C-alpha atoms as a PDB file:
ATOM      1  CA  MET A   1      -7.805  16.793  -6.348  1.00  0.00           C
ATOM      2  CA  PRO A   2      -8.247  13.671  -4.102  1.00  0.00           C
ATOM      3  CA  TYR A   3      -9.256  10.614  -5.265  1.00  0.00           C
ATOM      4  CA  GLN A   4     -12.322   8.662  -4.719  1.00  0.00           C
ATOM      5  CA  HIS A   5     -11.832   5.125  -3.722  1.00  0.00           C
ATOM      6  CA  LYS A   6     -14.733   2.598  -2.898  1.00  0.00           C
ATOM      7  CA  LYS A   7     -12.129   0.341  -1.545  1.00  0.00           C
ATOM      8  CA  ILE A   8      -8.725   0.463  -1.078  1.00  0.00           C
ATOM      9  CA  LEU A   9      -6.787  -2.889  -0.451  1.00  0.00           C
ATOM     10  CA  VAL A  10      -3.534  -2.723   2.007  1.00  0.00           C
ATOM     11  CA  VAL A  11      -1.011  -5.015   1.155  1.00  0.00           C
ATOM     12  CA  ALA A  12       2.577  -4.893   3.407  1.00  0.00           C
ATOM     13  CA  ILE A  13       5.448  -6.940   1.569  1.00  0.00           C
ATOM     14  CA  VAL A  14       8.002  -7.911   4.346  1.00  0.00           C
ATOM     15  CA  PRO A  15      11.231  -9.634   3.251  1.00  0.00           C
ATOM     16  CA  GLY A  16      11.324 -13.364   4.622  1.00  0.00           C
ATOM     17  CA  ASN A  17       8.814 -14.594   6.570  1.00  0.00           C
ATOM     18  CA  ASN A  18       7.963 -11.912   8.841  1.00  0.00           C
ATOM     19  CA  ASP A  19       3.989 -12.428   8.938  1.00  0.00           C
ATOM     20  CA  SER A  20       3.436 -10.659  12.103  1.00  0.00           C
ATOM     21  CA  LEU A  21       5.068  -7.302  10.845  1.00  0.00           C
ATOM     22  CA  GLN A  22       3.336  -7.639   7.936  1.00  0.00           C
ATOM     23  CA  ALA A  23       0.021  -7.935   9.632  1.00  0.00           C
ATOM     24  CA  ALA A  24       0.384  -4.977  12.216  1.00  0.00           C
ATOM     25  CA  ILE A  25       1.257  -3.018   8.808  1.00  0.00           C
ATOM     26  CA  GLU A  26      -2.111  -3.855   7.237  1.00  0.00           C
ATOM     27  CA  LYS A  27      -4.277  -3.368   9.967  1.00  0.00           C
ATOM     28  CA  ALA A  28      -2.544  -0.220  11.358  1.00  0.00           C
ATOM     29  CA  THR A  29      -3.017   1.397   7.686  1.00  0.00           C
ATOM     30  CA  VAL A  30      -6.500   0.257   7.348  1.00  0.00           C
ATOM     31  CA  GLN A  31      -7.336   1.572  10.381  1.00  0.00           C
ATOM     32  CA  GLU A  32      -5.766   5.202   9.767  1.00  0.00           C
ATOM     33  CA  LEU A  33      -7.623   4.859   6.262  1.00  0.00           C
ATOM     34  CA  LYS A  34     -11.037   4.129   7.613  1.00  0.00           C
ATOM     35  CA  SER A  35     -10.317   6.744  10.261  1.00  0.00           C
ATOM     36  CA  TYR A  36      -9.954   9.080   6.815  1.00  0.00           C
ATOM     37  CA  GLY A  37     -13.927   7.933   5.964  1.00  0.00           C
ATOM     38  CA  TYR A  38     -12.238   5.093   3.219  1.00  0.00           C
ATOM     39  CA  ASP A  39     -13.484   1.459   2.987  1.00  0.00           C
ATOM     40  CA  ALA A  40     -10.024  -0.507   3.610  1.00  0.00           C
ATOM     41  CA  VAL A  41      -9.180  -4.081   3.735  1.00  0.00           C
ATOM     42  CA  SER A  42      -6.155  -6.022   4.620  1.00  0.00           C
ATOM     43  CA  TYR A  43      -4.703  -8.433   2.271  1.00  0.00           C
ATOM     44  CA  SER A  44      -4.129 -10.589   5.362  1.00  0.00           C
ATOM     45  CA  ASN A  45      -7.183 -10.867   6.956  1.00  0.00           C
ATOM     46  CA  GLY A  46      -9.159 -11.309   3.529  1.00  0.00           C
ATOM     47  CA  PHE A  47      -7.327 -12.539   0.550  1.00  0.00           C
ATOM     48  CA  SER A  48      -5.921 -16.225   0.331  1.00  0.00           C
ATOM     49  CA  VAL A  49      -2.661 -15.552   0.024  1.00  0.00           C
ATOM     50  CA  TYR A  50      -2.585 -18.944  -1.589  1.00  0.00           C
ATOM     51  CA  GLU A  51      -5.126 -18.478  -4.211  1.00  0.00           C
ATOM     52  CA  MET A  52      -3.689 -15.102  -5.197  1.00  0.00           C
ATOM     53  CA  SER A  53      -0.508 -16.310  -5.885  1.00  0.00           C
ATOM     54  CA  ARG A  54      -1.482 -18.744  -8.063  1.00  0.00           C
ATOM     55  CA  PHE A  55      -2.873 -15.700 -10.588  1.00  0.00           C
ATOM     56  CA  THR A  56      -1.692 -14.371 -13.400  1.00  0.00           C
ATOM     57  CA  GLN A  57      -1.617 -11.166 -13.468  1.00  0.00           C
ATOM     58  CA  GLU A  58      -4.716 -10.803 -15.379  1.00  0.00           C
ATOM     59  CA  ALA A  59      -6.822 -13.074 -13.509  1.00  0.00           C
ATOM     60  CA  ALA A  60      -5.143 -11.249  -9.909  1.00  0.00           C
ATOM     61  CA  TYR A  61      -6.336  -8.071 -11.666  1.00  0.00           C
ATOM     62  CA  PHE A  62     -10.073  -9.656 -12.095  1.00  0.00           C
ATOM     63  CA  ALA A  63     -10.258 -11.148  -8.745  1.00  0.00           C
ATOM     64  CA  LEU A  64      -9.903  -7.642  -7.214  1.00  0.00           C
ATOM     65  CA  CYS A  65     -12.455  -6.068  -8.835  1.00  0.00           C
ATOM     66  CA  GLU A  66     -14.666  -8.664  -8.694  1.00  0.00           C
ATOM     67  CA  LYS A  67     -14.076  -7.872  -4.747  1.00  0.00           C
ATOM     68  CA  GLY A  68     -15.041  -4.155  -5.227  1.00  0.00           C
ATOM     69  CA  ILE A  69     -11.235  -2.873  -4.701  1.00  0.00           C
ATOM     70  CA  ASP A  70     -10.556   0.036  -6.977  1.00  0.00           C
ATOM     71  CA  ALA A  71      -7.235   0.729  -5.360  1.00  0.00           C
ATOM     72  CA  VAL A  72      -4.311  -1.171  -4.252  1.00  0.00           C
ATOM     73  CA  LEU A  73      -1.674   0.523  -1.767  1.00  0.00           C
ATOM     74  CA  THR A  74       1.491  -1.510  -1.166  1.00  0.00           C
ATOM     75  CA  LEU A  75       4.106  -0.846   1.559  1.00  0.00           C
ATOM     76  CA  ALA A  76       7.099  -2.848   0.908  1.00  0.00           C
ATOM     77  CA  LYS A  77      10.480  -2.563   2.800  1.00  0.00           C
ATOM     78  CA  VAL A  78      13.124  -3.292  -0.531  1.00  0.00           C
ATOM     79  CA  ASP A  79      16.851  -2.901  -0.484  1.00  0.00           C
ATOM     80  CA  PRO A  80      17.491   0.923  -2.386  1.00  0.00           C
ATOM     81  CA  SER A  81      19.279  -0.927  -5.254  1.00  0.00           C
ATOM     82  CA  LEU A  82      15.581  -2.109  -6.546  1.00  0.00           C
ATOM     83  CA  ALA A  83      13.657   0.628  -5.519  1.00  0.00           C
ATOM     84  CA  ILE A  84      12.008   3.337  -8.180  1.00  0.00           C
ATOM     85  CA  SER A  85      13.832   6.435  -8.839  1.00  0.00           C
ATOM     86  CA  LEU A  86      12.024   9.264  -7.125  1.00  0.00           C
ATOM     87  CA  LYS A  87      14.726  11.769  -8.441  1.00  0.00           C
ATOM     88  CA  LYS A  88      12.702  14.687 -10.113  1.00  0.00           C
ATOM     89  CA  GLY A  89      10.948  14.609 -13.440  1.00  0.00           C
ATOM     90  CA  VAL A  90      12.059  10.547 -13.272  1.00  0.00           C
ATOM     91  CA  ARG A  91       8.930   8.985 -11.668  1.00  0.00           C
ATOM     92  CA  THR A  92       6.508  10.635 -14.357  1.00  0.00           C
ATOM     93  CA  LYS A  93       8.059   8.701 -17.343  1.00  0.00           C
ATOM     94  CA  TYR A  94       7.651   5.524 -15.828  1.00  0.00           C
ATOM     95  CA  PRO A  95       4.784   4.167 -17.866  1.00  0.00           C
ATOM     96  CA  ALA A  96       1.701   2.550 -15.514  1.00  0.00           C
ATOM     97  CA  SER A  97       2.289  -1.078 -17.001  1.00  0.00           C
ATOM     98  CA  PHE A  98       6.319  -0.265 -14.700  1.00  0.00           C
ATOM     99  CA  TYR A  99       4.269  -0.004 -11.874  1.00  0.00           C
ATOM    100  CA  TYR A 100       1.649  -2.549 -12.437  1.00  0.00           C
ATOM    101  CA  ASN A 101       5.087  -5.063 -12.847  1.00  0.00           C
ATOM    102  CA  HIS A 102       6.777  -3.539 -10.519  1.00  0.00           C
ATOM    103  CA  ILE A 103       3.907  -4.504  -7.861  1.00  0.00           C
ATOM    104  CA  TRP A 104       3.756  -7.663  -9.273  1.00  0.00           C
ATOM    105  CA  ASP A 105       7.294  -8.517  -8.637  1.00  0.00           C
ATOM    106  CA  TYR A 106       7.102  -7.575  -4.773  1.00  0.00           C
ATOM    107  CA  ARG A 107       6.048 -11.763  -4.569  1.00  0.00           C
ATOM    108  CA  SER A 108       9.470 -12.294  -4.974  1.00  0.00           C
ATOM    109  CA  LEU A 109      10.749 -10.175  -1.346  1.00  0.00           C
ATOM    110  CA  LYS A 110       8.637 -12.803   0.831  1.00  0.00           C
ATOM    111  CA  THR A 111      11.240 -15.421  -0.420  1.00  0.00           C
ATOM    112  CA  VAL A 112      14.701 -13.098   0.773  1.00  0.00           C
ATOM    113  CA  PRO A 113      15.638 -13.315   4.011  1.00  0.00           C
ATOM    114  CA  GLU A 114      15.419  -9.871   5.902  1.00  0.00           C
ATOM    115  CA  ASN A 115      18.805  -8.095   6.005  1.00  0.00           C
ATOM    116  CA  LYS A 116      19.780  -8.801   9.430  1.00  0.00           C
ATOM    117  CA  ASN A 117      21.511  -5.067  10.182  1.00  0.00           C
ATOM    118  CA  GLY A 118      18.599  -3.967   8.352  1.00  0.00           C
ATOM    119  CA  SER A 119      19.771  -0.486   8.189  1.00  0.00           C
ATOM    120  CA  THR A 120      19.572   0.171   4.162  1.00  0.00           C
ATOM    121  CA  ALA A 121      16.104  -1.410   3.808  1.00  0.00           C
ATOM    122  CA  ILE A 122      13.385   1.456   2.848  1.00  0.00           C
ATOM    123  CA  TRP A 123      10.308   0.982   2.772  1.00  0.00           C
ATOM    124  CA  GLU A 124       8.432   1.948  -0.862  1.00  0.00           C
ATOM    125  CA  CYS A 125       4.673   2.836  -0.893  1.00  0.00           C
ATOM    126  CA  ILE A 126       2.592   3.178  -4.035  1.00  0.00           C
ATOM    127  CA  MET A 127      -1.558   3.837  -4.551  1.00  0.00           C
ATOM    128  CA  PHE A 128      -1.961   1.959  -7.658  1.00  0.00           C
ATOM    129  CA  ASP A 129      -5.525   2.723  -9.423  1.00  0.00           C
ATOM    130  CA  LEU A 130      -7.290  -0.214 -10.344  1.00  0.00           C
ATOM    131  CA  LEU A 131      -9.590   1.081 -12.719  1.00  0.00           C
ATOM    132  CA  SER A 132      -6.877   3.638 -14.427  1.00  0.00           C
ATOM    133  CA  LEU A 133      -4.331   1.187 -14.498  1.00  0.00           C
ATOM    134  CA  GLU A 134      -1.696   3.959 -13.382  1.00  0.00           C
ATOM    135  CA  GLN A 135      -0.101   5.164  -9.989  1.00  0.00           C
ATOM    136  CA  GLN A 136      -1.408   8.086  -7.727  1.00  0.00           C
ATOM    137  CA  SER A 137       1.008   8.130  -5.489  1.00  0.00           C
ATOM    138  CA  VAL A 138       5.105   7.124  -4.514  1.00  0.00           C
ATOM    139  CA  LEU A 139       6.597   7.742  -1.455  1.00  0.00           C
ATOM    140  CA  GLN A 140       9.758   6.332   0.057  1.00  0.00           C
ATOM    141  CA  VAL A 141      10.070   6.158   4.219  1.00  0.00           C
ATOM    142  CA  LYS A 142      13.166   5.601   5.641  1.00  0.00           C
ATOM    143  CA  PRO A 143      12.880   2.707   8.634  1.00  0.00           C
ATOM    144  CA  LEU A 144      12.015   3.926  12.258  1.00  0.00           C
ATOM    145  CA  ALA A 145      15.176   3.403  13.946  1.00  0.00           C
ATOM    146  CA  SER A 146      15.648   1.021  16.224  1.00  0.00           C
ATOM    147  CA  LEU A 147      16.387   3.412  19.035  1.00  0.00           C
ATOM    148  CA  LYS A 148      12.500   4.297  18.856  1.00  0.00           C
ATOM    149  CA  LYS A 149      10.434   3.782  21.576  1.00  0.00           C
ATOM    150  CA  GLN A 150       7.434   3.441  18.833  1.00  0.00           C
ATOM    151  CA  ASN A 151       4.989   1.050  17.024  1.00  0.00           C
ATOM    152  CA  GLU A 152       7.126   0.575  13.705  1.00  0.00           C
ATOM    153  CA  ALA A 153       3.353  -0.270  12.019  1.00  0.00           C
ATOM    154  CA  THR A 154       1.633   2.221  13.329  1.00  0.00           C
ATOM    155  CA  TRP A 155       4.674   4.910  12.562  1.00  0.00           C
ATOM    156  CA  LEU A 156       4.736   3.413   9.335  1.00  0.00           C
ATOM    157  CA  SER A 157       1.154   3.850   8.367  1.00  0.00           C
ATOM    158  CA  ASN A 158       0.694   7.295   9.921  1.00  0.00           C
ATOM    159  CA  ASN A 159       3.314   8.469   8.223  1.00  0.00           C
ATOM    160  CA  VAL A 160       2.705   7.133   4.255  1.00  0.00           C
ATOM    161  CA  ILE A 161      -1.096   8.819   4.760  1.00  0.00           C
ATOM    162  CA  GLN A 162       0.038  11.839   6.243  1.00  0.00           C
ATOM    163  CA  LYS A 163       2.333  12.368   2.936  1.00  0.00           C
ATOM    164  CA  MET A 164      -0.763  10.942   0.723  1.00  0.00           C
ATOM    165  CA  VAL A 165      -2.854  13.528   2.361  1.00  0.00           C
ATOM    166  CA  ALA A 166      -0.263  16.485   1.965  1.00  0.00           C
ATOM    167  CA  GLU A 167      -0.224  15.004  -1.632  1.00  0.00           C
ATOM    168  CA  LYS A 168      -3.266  15.360  -1.833  1.00  0.00           C
ATOM    169  CA  ILE A 169      -4.112  11.939  -2.662  1.00  0.00           C
ATOM    170  CA  LEU A 170      -6.358  11.548   0.456  1.00  0.00           C
ATOM    171  CA  THR A 171      -8.596  13.642   2.232  1.00  0.00           C
ATOM    172  CA  LYS A 172     -11.105  13.148   5.209  1.00  0.00           C
ATOM    173  CA  GLN A 173     -14.005  11.472   3.361  1.00  0.00           C
ATOM    174  CA  THR A 174     -17.305  13.349   4.220  1.00  0.00           C
ATOM    175  CA  VAL A 175     -19.830  10.124   4.652  1.00  0.00           C
ATOM    176  CA  ALA A 176     -23.090   9.782   5.727  1.00  0.00           C
ATOM    177  CA  PRO A 177     -23.494   7.048   8.747  1.00  0.00           C
ATOM    178  CA  THR A 178     -25.851   4.244   7.283  1.00  0.00           C
ATOM    179  CA  GLY A 179     -29.081   5.029   7.615  1.00  0.00           C
ATOM    180  CA  VAL A 180     -28.548   8.711   7.998  1.00  0.00           C
ATOM    181  CA  TYR A 181     -29.774  10.519   4.687  1.00  0.00           C
ATOM    182  CA  LYS A 182     -28.238  14.146   4.515  1.00  0.00           C
ATOM    183  CA  GLY A 183     -30.838  16.765   3.936  1.00  0.00           C
ATOM    184  CA  PHE A 184     -30.691  19.414   0.530  1.00  0.00           C
END
């Protein structure tokens, strides 16, 4: 059964200082989630990066909860050697604290220069529920080939959301527009 989230925070983690790619991925993913009826916000367009980077894990958790965030979707471009092993049965052996710490450690990726050949990096995407402190989905997606004439941010957000729909993590939400009441 798909999860019901009130508000999803979308965080793209791109090595180096590629803020434009980060913002584009977050914007495309927020739009994709909203098209499914979810309330979603972008990390780069609503949270003080400086403020969040100073927090401890516990303080960051409480700050997100105070803002009504109940799930975090991370999209991180990582070296495959740093990625979570997704071999059959391996994903479920990790405790929830592993994912929480793994997501927290993405912060160090922002200081790593981007791999110029880029061919080995993968996108690791984790949907983490803040209320249960558990991962709901862990996906890995190969980057868009540079020969493709498609926007990487749009391609990645569509690919990730479609995979989560296929996993039944997400589904089209039936939300009545504001001011409209559904009959009995």
